Amino acid sequence: MEFGQTPKCPKCGGLVRPHRPHKRVVFVSSLLLGILTMEFFGVRSVIWFVFGVAVLWVAFALGLNILFLSAKPLELKAVTPDRFRPDPFTRRFK
């Protein structure tokens, strides 16, 4: 795979992208684990609480991604043309 280019399917030659169906689960669970860890250690300062949650969130997200990827590898999905993608700001199709 080359960086900077959209990978092509070896069978059909179409453009593909990696699909992670578990990304929302990882985001929410790692954020909750970070918050619970800071509560467990009794951090009461807002600045240190936010900083600690941010650092722990990244660490837990990396660990959970490794755990989920070892359980179920990435799937490849076909790339849709830009005209069929919704505009990220208005959520309307072009």
PDB file of N, CA and C in Angstrom:
ATOM      1  N   MET A   1       0.847  -1.168   0.000  1.00  0.00           N
ATOM      2  CA  MET A   1       0.000   0.000   0.000  1.00  0.00           C
ATOM      3  C   MET A   1       0.892   1.229   0.000  1.00  0.00           C
ATOM      4  N   GLU A   2       0.554   2.201  -0.809  1.00  0.00           N
ATOM      5  CA  GLU A   2       1.298   3.452  -0.874  1.00  0.00           C
ATOM      6  C   GLU A   2       0.526   4.540  -0.145  1.00  0.00           C
ATOM      7  N   PHE A   3       1.258   5.368   0.599  1.00  0.00           N
ATOM      8  CA  PHE A   3       0.610   6.451   1.321  1.00  0.00           C
ATOM      9  C   PHE A   3       0.333   7.601   0.373  1.00  0.00           C
ATOM     10  N   GLY A   4      -0.798   8.286   0.604  1.00  0.00           N
ATOM     11  CA  GLY A   4      -1.154   9.414  -0.224  1.00  0.00           C
ATOM     12  C   GLY A   4      -2.057   9.047  -1.389  1.00  0.00           C
ATOM     13  N   GLN A   5      -2.233   7.770  -1.642  1.00  0.00           N
ATOM     14  CA  GLN A   5      -3.102   7.333  -2.723  1.00  0.00           C
ATOM     15  C   GLN A   5      -4.178   6.418  -2.155  1.00  0.00           C
ATOM     16  N   THR A   6      -5.345   6.454  -2.764  1.00  0.00           N
ATOM     17  CA  THR A   6      -6.407   5.555  -2.349  1.00  0.00           C
ATOM     18  C   THR A   6      -6.073   4.150  -2.834  1.00  0.00           C
ATOM     19  N   PRO A   7      -6.077   3.163  -1.926  1.00  0.00           N
ATOM     20  CA  PRO A   7      -5.712   1.805  -2.342  1.00  0.00           C
ATOM     21  C   PRO A   7      -6.746   1.210  -3.297  1.00  0.00           C
ATOM     22  N   LYS A   8      -6.284   0.297  -4.125  1.00  0.00           N
ATOM     23  CA  LYS A   8      -7.156  -0.356  -5.090  1.00  0.00           C
ATOM     24  C   LYS A   8      -7.357  -1.814  -4.695  1.00  0.00           C
ATOM     25  N   CYS A   9      -8.530  -2.325  -5.005  1.00  0.00           N
ATOM     26  CA  CYS A   9      -8.858  -3.723  -4.736  1.00  0.00           C
ATOM     27  C   CYS A   9      -8.031  -4.607  -5.671  1.00  0.00           C
ATOM     28  N   PRO A  10      -7.365  -5.640  -5.127  1.00  0.00           N
ATOM     29  CA  PRO A  10      -6.567  -6.500  -5.992  1.00  0.00           C
ATOM     30  C   PRO A  10      -7.412  -7.331  -6.961  1.00  0.00           C
ATOM     31  N   LYS A  11      -8.679  -7.571  -6.616  1.00  0.00           N
ATOM     32  CA  LYS A  11      -9.529  -8.394  -7.479  1.00  0.00           C
ATOM     33  C   LYS A  11     -10.176  -7.596  -8.601  1.00  0.00           C
ATOM     34  N   CYS A  12     -10.865  -6.508  -8.225  1.00  0.00           N
ATOM     35  CA  CYS A  12     -11.633  -5.767  -9.239  1.00  0.00           C
ATOM     36  C   CYS A  12     -10.951  -4.484  -9.699  1.00  0.00           C
ATOM     37  N   GLY A  13      -9.968  -3.989  -8.960  1.00  0.00           N
ATOM     38  CA  GLY A  13      -9.282  -2.763  -9.349  1.00  0.00           C
ATOM     39  C   GLY A  13      -9.996  -1.499  -8.917  1.00  0.00           C
ATOM     40  N   GLY A  14     -11.121  -1.624  -8.200  1.00  0.00           N
ATOM     41  CA  GLY A  14     -11.847  -0.451  -7.720  1.00  0.00           C
ATOM     42  C   GLY A  14     -11.176   0.149  -6.492  1.00  0.00           C
ATOM     43  N   LEU A  15     -11.527   1.381  -6.187  1.00  0.00           N
ATOM     44  CA  LEU A  15     -10.957   2.063  -5.031  1.00  0.00           C
ATOM     45  C   LEU A  15     -11.633   1.581  -3.751  1.00  0.00           C
ATOM     46  N   VAL A  16     -10.837   1.339  -2.717  1.00  0.00           N
ATOM     47  CA  VAL A  16     -11.358   0.870  -1.434  1.00  0.00           C
ATOM     48  C   VAL A  16     -10.792   1.730  -0.309  1.00  0.00           C
ATOM     49  N   ARG A  17     -11.457   1.660   0.844  1.00  0.00           N
ATOM     50  CA  ARG A  17     -10.983   2.346   2.048  1.00  0.00           C
ATOM     51  C   ARG A  17     -11.204   1.421   3.241  1.00  0.00           C
ATOM     52  N   PRO A  18     -10.386   1.563   4.297  1.00  0.00           N
ATOM     53  CA  PRO A  18     -10.609   0.739   5.491  1.00  0.00           C
ATOM     54  C   PRO A  18     -11.855   1.210   6.233  1.00  0.00           C
ATOM     55  N   HIS A  19     -12.603   0.266   6.771  1.00  0.00           N
ATOM     56  CA  HIS A  19     -13.844   0.562   7.485  1.00  0.00           C
ATOM     57  C   HIS A  19     -13.711   0.013   8.900  1.00  0.00           C
ATOM     58  N   ARG A  20     -13.884   0.890   9.902  1.00  0.00           N
ATOM     59  CA  ARG A  20     -13.809   0.481  11.299  1.00  0.00           C
ATOM     60  C   ARG A  20     -15.185   0.623  11.928  1.00  0.00           C
ATOM     61  N   PRO A  21     -15.942  -0.467  12.027  1.00  0.00           N
ATOM     62  CA  PRO A  21     -17.287  -0.347  12.588  1.00  0.00           C
ATOM     63  C   PRO A  21     -17.296  -0.091  14.091  1.00  0.00           C
ATOM     64  N   HIS A  22     -16.179  -0.256  14.768  1.00  0.00           N
ATOM     65  CA  HIS A  22     -16.139  -0.131  16.214  1.00  0.00           C
ATOM     66  C   HIS A  22     -15.604   1.213  16.702  1.00  0.00           C
ATOM     67  N   LYS A  23     -15.446   2.206  15.834  1.00  0.00           N
ATOM     68  CA  LYS A  23     -14.789   3.449  16.237  1.00  0.00           C
ATOM     69  C   LYS A  23     -15.610   4.246  17.254  1.00  0.00           C
ATOM     70  N   ARG A  24     -16.928   4.214  17.171  1.00  0.00           N
ATOM     71  CA  ARG A  24     -17.747   4.932  18.151  1.00  0.00           C
ATOM     72  C   ARG A  24     -17.686   4.256  19.515  1.00  0.00           C
ATOM     73  N   VAL A  25     -17.664   2.939  19.515  1.00  0.00           N
ATOM     74  CA  VAL A  25     -17.569   2.201  20.774  1.00  0.00           C
ATOM     75  C   VAL A  25     -16.246   2.516  21.463  1.00  0.00           C
ATOM     76  N   VAL A  26     -15.164   2.544  20.695  1.00  0.00           N
ATOM     77  CA  VAL A  26     -13.848   2.864  21.251  1.00  0.00           C
ATOM     78  C   VAL A  26     -13.830   4.291  21.788  1.00  0.00           C
ATOM     79  N   PHE A  27     -14.388   5.229  21.049  1.00  0.00           N
ATOM     80  CA  PHE A  27     -14.401   6.635  21.477  1.00  0.00           C
ATOM     81  C   PHE A  27     -15.120   6.802  22.808  1.00  0.00           C
ATOM     82  N   VAL A  28     -16.333   6.282  22.900  1.00  0.00           N
ATOM     83  CA  VAL A  28     -17.146   6.479  24.098  1.00  0.00           C
ATOM     84  C   VAL A  28     -16.570   5.705  25.287  1.00  0.00           C
ATOM     85  N   SER A  29     -16.186   4.452  25.075  1.00  0.00           N
ATOM     86  CA  SER A  29     -15.691   3.651  26.195  1.00  0.00           C
ATOM     87  C   SER A  29     -14.348   4.169  26.714  1.00  0.00           C
ATOM     88  N   SER A  30     -13.463   4.634  25.840  1.00  0.00           N
ATOM     89  CA  SER A  30     -12.187   5.166  26.317  1.00  0.00           C
ATOM     90  C   SER A  30     -12.382   6.492  27.047  1.00  0.00           C
ATOM     91  N   LEU A  31     -13.338   7.305  26.612  1.00  0.00           N
ATOM     92  CA  LEU A  31     -13.643   8.544  27.322  1.00  0.00           C
ATOM     93  C   LEU A  31     -14.205   8.249  28.703  1.00  0.00           C
ATOM     94  N   LEU A  32     -15.120   7.284  28.789  1.00  0.00           N
ATOM     95  CA  LEU A  32     -15.681   6.910  30.094  1.00  0.00           C
ATOM     96  C   LEU A  32     -14.628   6.312  31.016  1.00  0.00           C
ATOM     97  N   LEU A  33     -13.739   5.492  30.469  1.00  0.00           N
ATOM     98  CA  LEU A  33     -12.661   4.934  31.287  1.00  0.00           C
ATOM     99  C   LEU A  33     -11.732   6.027  31.805  1.00  0.00           C
ATOM    100  N   GLY A  34     -11.450   7.030  30.989  1.00  0.00           N
ATOM    101  CA  GLY A  34     -10.626   8.150  31.425  1.00  0.00           C
ATOM    102  C   GLY A  34     -11.276   8.938  32.547  1.00  0.00           C
ATOM    103  N   ILE A  35     -12.571   9.209  32.410  1.00  0.00           N
ATOM    104  CA  ILE A  35     -13.301   9.942  33.443  1.00  0.00           C
ATOM    105  C   ILE A  35     -13.356   9.133  34.732  1.00  0.00           C
ATOM    106  N   LEU A  36     -13.671   7.851  34.626  1.00  0.00           N
ATOM    107  CA  LEU A  36     -13.747   7.004  35.822  1.00  0.00           C
ATOM    108  C   LEU A  36     -12.392   6.861  36.506  1.00  0.00           C
ATOM    109  N   THR A  37     -11.326   6.806  35.745  1.00  0.00           N
ATOM    110  CA  THR A  37      -9.992   6.712  36.339  1.00  0.00           C
ATOM    111  C   THR A  37      -9.654   7.974  37.113  1.00  0.00           C
ATOM    112  N   MET A  38      -9.965   9.132  36.562  1.00  0.00           N
ATOM    113  CA  MET A  38      -9.691  10.382  37.268  1.00  0.00           C
ATOM    114  C   MET A  38     -10.558  10.510  38.526  1.00  0.00           C
ATOM    115  N   GLU A  39     -11.790  10.036  38.447  1.00  0.00           N
ATOM    116  CA  GLU A  39     -12.650  10.026  39.639  1.00  0.00           C
ATOM    117  C   GLU A  39     -12.108   9.069  40.699  1.00  0.00           C
ATOM    118  N   PHE A  40     -11.606   7.924  40.263  1.00  0.00           N
ATOM    119  CA  PHE A  40     -11.069   6.927  41.188  1.00  0.00           C
ATOM    120  C   PHE A  40      -9.878   7.486  41.964  1.00  0.00           C
ATOM    121  N   PHE A  41      -9.026   8.262  41.288  1.00  0.00           N
ATOM    122  CA  PHE A  41      -7.867   8.842  41.952  1.00  0.00           C
ATOM    123  C   PHE A  41      -8.193  10.144  42.684  1.00  0.00           C
ATOM    124  N   GLY A  42      -9.426  10.592  42.617  1.00  0.00           N
ATOM    125  CA  GLY A  42      -9.872  11.731  43.407  1.00  0.00           C
ATOM    126  C   GLY A  42      -9.383  13.081  42.936  1.00  0.00           C
ATOM    127  N   VAL A  43      -9.196  13.255  41.649  1.00  0.00           N
ATOM    128  CA  VAL A  43      -8.753  14.550  41.120  1.00  0.00           C
ATOM    129  C   VAL A  43      -9.930  15.516  41.159  1.00  0.00           C
ATOM    130  N   ARG A  44      -9.729  16.674  41.805  1.00  0.00           N
ATOM    131  CA  ARG A  44     -10.813  17.643  41.947  1.00  0.00           C
ATOM    132  C   ARG A  44     -10.571  18.931  41.171  1.00  0.00           C
ATOM    133  N   SER A  45      -9.349  19.230  40.806  1.00  0.00           N
ATOM    134  CA  SER A  45      -9.051  20.426  40.036  1.00  0.00           C
ATOM    135  C   SER A  45      -9.559  20.238  38.607  1.00  0.00           C
ATOM    136  N   VAL A  46     -10.281  21.216  38.101  1.00  0.00           N
ATOM    137  CA  VAL A  46     -10.872  21.113  36.767  1.00  0.00           C
ATOM    138  C   VAL A  46      -9.795  21.016  35.696  1.00  0.00           C
ATOM    139  N   ILE A  47      -8.746  21.794  35.830  1.00  0.00           N
ATOM    140  CA  ILE A  47      -7.674  21.799  34.822  1.00  0.00           C
ATOM    141  C   ILE A  47      -6.988  20.442  34.765  1.00  0.00           C
ATOM    142  N   TRP A  48      -6.609  19.915  35.945  1.00  0.00           N
ATOM    143  CA  TRP A  48      -5.942  18.607  35.969  1.00  0.00           C
ATOM    144  C   TRP A  48      -6.886  17.487  35.565  1.00  0.00           C
ATOM    145  N   PHE A  49      -8.170  17.646  35.904  1.00  0.00           N
ATOM    146  CA  PHE A  49      -9.152  16.627  35.520  1.00  0.00           C
ATOM    147  C   PHE A  49      -9.266  16.543  33.998  1.00  0.00           C
ATOM    148  N   VAL A  50      -9.412  17.692  33.334  1.00  0.00           N
ATOM    149  CA  VAL A  50      -9.540  17.721  31.873  1.00  0.00           C
ATOM    150  C   VAL A  50      -8.253  17.228  31.214  1.00  0.00           C
ATOM    151  N   PHE A  51      -7.102  17.682  31.720  1.00  0.00           N
ATOM    152  CA  PHE A  51      -5.820  17.243  31.170  1.00  0.00           C
ATOM    153  C   PHE A  51      -5.642  15.733  31.355  1.00  0.00           C
ATOM    154  N   GLY A  52      -5.956  15.229  32.535  1.00  0.00           N
ATOM    155  CA  GLY A  52      -5.820  13.797  32.796  1.00  0.00           C
ATOM    156  C   GLY A  52      -6.755  12.959  31.949  1.00  0.00           C
ATOM    157  N   VAL A  53      -7.988  13.417  31.786  1.00  0.00           N
ATOM    158  CA  VAL A  53      -8.945  12.681  30.949  1.00  0.00           C
ATOM    159  C   VAL A  53      -8.464  12.650  29.504  1.00  0.00           C
ATOM    160  N   ALA A  54      -7.917  13.751  29.012  1.00  0.00           N
ATOM    161  CA  ALA A  54      -7.426  13.803  27.622  1.00  0.00           C
ATOM    162  C   ALA A  54      -6.262  12.829  27.426  1.00  0.00           C
ATOM    163  N   VAL A  55      -5.322  12.811  28.366  1.00  0.00           N
ATOM    164  CA  VAL A  55      -4.175  11.910  28.247  1.00  0.00           C
ATOM    165  C   VAL A  55      -4.614  10.456  28.356  1.00  0.00           C
ATOM    166  N   LEU A  56      -5.470  10.165  29.332  1.00  0.00           N
ATOM    167  CA  LEU A  56      -5.942   8.787  29.506  1.00  0.00           C
ATOM    168  C   LEU A  56      -6.843   8.352  28.358  1.00  0.00           C
ATOM    169  N   TRP A  57      -7.613   9.293  27.800  1.00  0.00           N
ATOM    170  CA  TRP A  57      -8.485   8.954  26.681  1.00  0.00           C
ATOM    171  C   TRP A  57      -7.671   8.454  25.498  1.00  0.00           C
ATOM    172  N   VAL A  58      -6.563   9.131  25.206  1.00  0.00           N
ATOM    173  CA  VAL A  58      -5.701   8.702  24.095  1.00  0.00           C
ATOM    174  C   VAL A  58      -5.110   7.330  24.387  1.00  0.00           C
ATOM    175  N   ALA A  59      -4.628   7.140  25.605  1.00  0.00           N
ATOM    176  CA  ALA A  59      -4.021   5.849  25.964  1.00  0.00           C
ATOM    177  C   ALA A  59      -5.044   4.716  25.898  1.00  0.00           C
ATOM    178  N   PHE A  60      -6.223   4.931  26.458  1.00  0.00           N
ATOM    179  CA  PHE A  60      -7.252   3.889  26.424  1.00  0.00           C
ATOM    180  C   PHE A  60      -7.742   3.639  25.004  1.00  0.00           C
ATOM    181  N   ALA A  61      -7.845   4.691  24.182  1.00  0.00           N
ATOM    182  CA  ALA A  61      -8.296   4.517  22.800  1.00  0.00           C
ATOM    183  C   ALA A  61      -7.299   3.677  22.001  1.00  0.00           C
ATOM    184  N   LEU A  62      -6.002   3.919  22.199  1.00  0.00           N
ATOM    185  CA  LEU A  62      -4.998   3.106  21.512  1.00  0.00           C
ATOM    186  C   LEU A  62      -5.093   1.645  21.935  1.00  0.00           C
ATOM    187  N   GLY A  63      -5.222   1.419  23.236  1.00  0.00           N
ATOM    188  CA  GLY A  63      -5.329   0.050  23.735  1.00  0.00           C
ATOM    189  C   GLY A  63      -6.579  -0.656  23.250  1.00  0.00           C
ATOM    190  N   LEU A  64      -7.710   0.035  23.271  1.00  0.00           N
ATOM    191  CA  LEU A  64      -8.958  -0.586  22.809  1.00  0.00           C
ATOM    192  C   LEU A  64      -8.936  -0.833  21.309  1.00  0.00           C
ATOM    193  N   ASN A  65      -8.316   0.069  20.538  1.00  0.00           N
ATOM    194  CA  ASN A  65      -8.196  -0.174  19.100  1.00  0.00           C
ATOM    195  C   ASN A  65      -7.374  -1.426  18.820  1.00  0.00           C
ATOM    196  N   ILE A  66      -6.289  -1.604  19.551  1.00  0.00           N
ATOM    197  CA  ILE A  66      -5.479  -2.813  19.383  1.00  0.00           C
ATOM    198  C   ILE A  66      -6.287  -4.043  19.753  1.00  0.00           C
ATOM    199  N   LEU A  67      -7.031  -3.947  20.850  1.00  0.00           N
ATOM    200  CA  LEU A  67      -7.857  -5.080  21.285  1.00  0.00           C
ATOM    201  C   LEU A  67      -8.931  -5.424  20.248  1.00  0.00           C
ATOM    202  N   PHE A  68      -9.631  -4.412  19.737  1.00  0.00           N
ATOM    203  CA  PHE A  68     -10.683  -4.663  18.756  1.00  0.00           C
ATOM    204  C   PHE A  68     -10.120  -5.149  17.421  1.00  0.00           C
ATOM    205  N   LEU A  69      -8.971  -4.613  17.011  1.00  0.00           N
ATOM    206  CA  LEU A  69      -8.390  -5.042  15.739  1.00  0.00           C
ATOM    207  C   LEU A  69      -7.853  -6.462  15.805  1.00  0.00           C
ATOM    208  N   SER A  70      -7.412  -6.888  16.986  1.00  0.00           N
ATOM    209  CA  SER A  70      -6.968  -8.275  17.094  1.00  0.00           C
ATOM    210  C   SER A  70      -8.162  -9.228  17.083  1.00  0.00           C
ATOM    211  N   ALA A  71      -9.324  -8.762  17.570  1.00  0.00           N
ATOM    212  CA  ALA A  71     -10.516  -9.600  17.565  1.00  0.00           C
ATOM    213  C   ALA A  71     -11.169  -9.650  16.184  1.00  0.00           C
ATOM    214  N   LYS A  72     -11.197  -8.513  15.498  1.00  0.00           N
ATOM    215  CA  LYS A  72     -11.825  -8.446  14.176  1.00  0.00           C
ATOM    216  C   LYS A  72     -11.028  -7.495  13.301  1.00  0.00           C
ATOM    217  N   PRO A  73     -10.349  -7.993  12.265  1.00  0.00           N
ATOM    218  CA  PRO A  73      -9.535  -7.109  11.423  1.00  0.00           C
ATOM    219  C   PRO A  73     -10.387  -6.109  10.639  1.00  0.00           C
ATOM    220  N   LEU A  74      -9.721  -5.105  10.087  1.00  0.00           N
ATOM    221  CA  LEU A  74     -10.406  -4.087   9.293  1.00  0.00           C
ATOM    222  C   LEU A  74     -11.057  -4.691   8.061  1.00  0.00           C
ATOM    223  N   GLU A  75     -12.182  -4.123   7.684  1.00  0.00           N
ATOM    224  CA  GLU A  75     -12.849  -4.516   6.451  1.00  0.00           C
ATOM    225  C   GLU A  75     -12.546  -3.446   5.396  1.00  0.00           C
ATOM    226  N   LEU A  76     -12.583  -3.836   4.152  1.00  0.00           N
ATOM    227  CA  LEU A  76     -12.413  -2.868   3.072  1.00  0.00           C
ATOM    228  C   LEU A  76     -13.765  -2.596   2.431  1.00  0.00           C
ATOM    229  N   LYS A  77     -14.096  -1.326   2.311  1.00  0.00           N
ATOM    230  CA  LYS A  77     -15.347  -0.906   1.681  1.00  0.00           C
ATOM    231  C   LYS A  77     -15.017  -0.131   0.411  1.00  0.00           C
ATOM    232  N   ALA A  78     -15.930  -0.177  -0.543  1.00  0.00           N
ATOM    233  CA  ALA A  78     -15.742   0.569  -1.788  1.00  0.00           C
ATOM    234  C   ALA A  78     -15.855   2.065  -1.527  1.00  0.00           C
ATOM    235  N   VAL A  79     -15.048   2.846  -2.228  1.00  0.00           N
ATOM    236  CA  VAL A  79     -15.081   4.303  -2.102  1.00  0.00           C
ATOM    237  C   VAL A  79     -16.197   4.833  -2.981  1.00  0.00           C
ATOM    238  N   THR A  80     -17.021   5.703  -2.413  1.00  0.00           N
ATOM    239  CA  THR A  80     -18.087   6.323  -3.201  1.00  0.00           C
ATOM    240  C   THR A  80     -17.555   7.609  -3.819  1.00  0.00           C
ATOM    241  N   PRO A  81     -18.001   7.959  -4.994  1.00  0.00           N
ATOM    242  CA  PRO A  81     -17.559   9.218  -5.605  1.00  0.00           C
ATOM    243  C   PRO A  81     -17.976  10.417  -4.758  1.00  0.00           C
ATOM    244  N   ASP A  82     -17.260  11.526  -4.878  1.00  0.00           N
ATOM    245  CA  ASP A  82     -17.522  12.709  -4.064  1.00  0.00           C
ATOM    246  C   ASP A  82     -18.925  13.268  -4.258  1.00  0.00           C
ATOM    247  N   ARG A  83     -19.491  13.100  -5.422  1.00  0.00           N
ATOM    248  CA  ARG A  83     -20.824  13.676  -5.632  1.00  0.00           C
ATOM    249  C   ARG A  83     -21.899  12.941  -4.837  1.00  0.00           C
ATOM    250  N   PHE A  84     -21.612  11.737  -4.358  1.00  0.00           N
ATOM    251  CA  PHE A  84     -22.573  10.986  -3.560  1.00  0.00           C
ATOM    252  C   PHE A  84     -22.329  11.134  -2.065  1.00  0.00           C
ATOM    253  N   ARG A  85     -21.260  11.830  -1.696  1.00  0.00           N
ATOM    254  CA  ARG A  85     -20.981  12.046  -0.284  1.00  0.00           C
ATOM    255  C   ARG A  85     -21.690  13.308   0.178  1.00  0.00           C
ATOM    256  N   PRO A  86     -22.222  13.292   1.406  1.00  0.00           N
ATOM    257  CA  PRO A  86     -22.844  14.521   1.901  1.00  0.00           C
ATOM    258  C   PRO A  86     -21.795  15.556   2.256  1.00  0.00           C
ATOM    259  N   ASP A  87     -22.167  16.827   2.112  1.00  0.00           N
ATOM    260  CA  ASP A  87     -21.295  17.917   2.520  1.00  0.00           C
ATOM    261  C   ASP A  87     -21.191  17.866   4.046  1.00  0.00           C
ATOM    262  N   PRO A  88     -19.961  17.868   4.625  1.00  0.00           N
ATOM    263  CA  PRO A  88     -19.838  17.697   6.071  1.00  0.00           C
ATOM    264  C   PRO A  88     -20.429  18.841   6.891  1.00  0.00           C
ATOM    265  N   PHE A  89     -20.604  20.029   6.291  1.00  0.00           N
ATOM    266  CA  PHE A  89     -21.125  21.157   7.045  1.00  0.00           C
ATOM    267  C   PHE A  89     -22.652  21.229   6.987  1.00  0.00           C
ATOM    268  N   THR A  90     -23.242  20.899   5.847  1.00  0.00           N
ATOM    269  CA  THR A  90     -24.688  21.010   5.717  1.00  0.00           C
ATOM    270  C   THR A  90     -25.398  19.665   5.761  1.00  0.00           C
ATOM    271  N   ARG A  91     -24.648  18.580   5.663  1.00  0.00           N
ATOM    272  CA  ARG A  91     -25.183  17.205   5.636  1.00  0.00           C
ATOM    273  C   ARG A  91     -26.122  16.978   4.452  1.00  0.00           C
ATOM    274  N   ARG A  92     -25.943  17.778   3.393  1.00  0.00           N
ATOM    275  CA  ARG A  92     -26.734  17.597   2.184  1.00  0.00           C
ATOM    276  C   ARG A  92     -25.846  17.056   1.087  1.00  0.00           C
ATOM    277  N   PHE A  93     -26.452  16.343   0.175  1.00  0.00           N
ATOM    278  CA  PHE A  93     -25.709  15.792  -0.932  1.00  0.00           C
ATOM    279  C   PHE A  93     -25.462  16.868  -1.988  1.00  0.00           C
ATOM    280  N   LYS A  94     -24.314  16.767  -2.641  1.00  0.00           N
ATOM    281  CA  LYS A  94     -23.964  17.750  -3.672  1.00  0.00           C
ATOM    282  C   LYS A  94     -24.768  17.524  -4.931  1.00  0.00           C
TER     283      LYS A  94
END
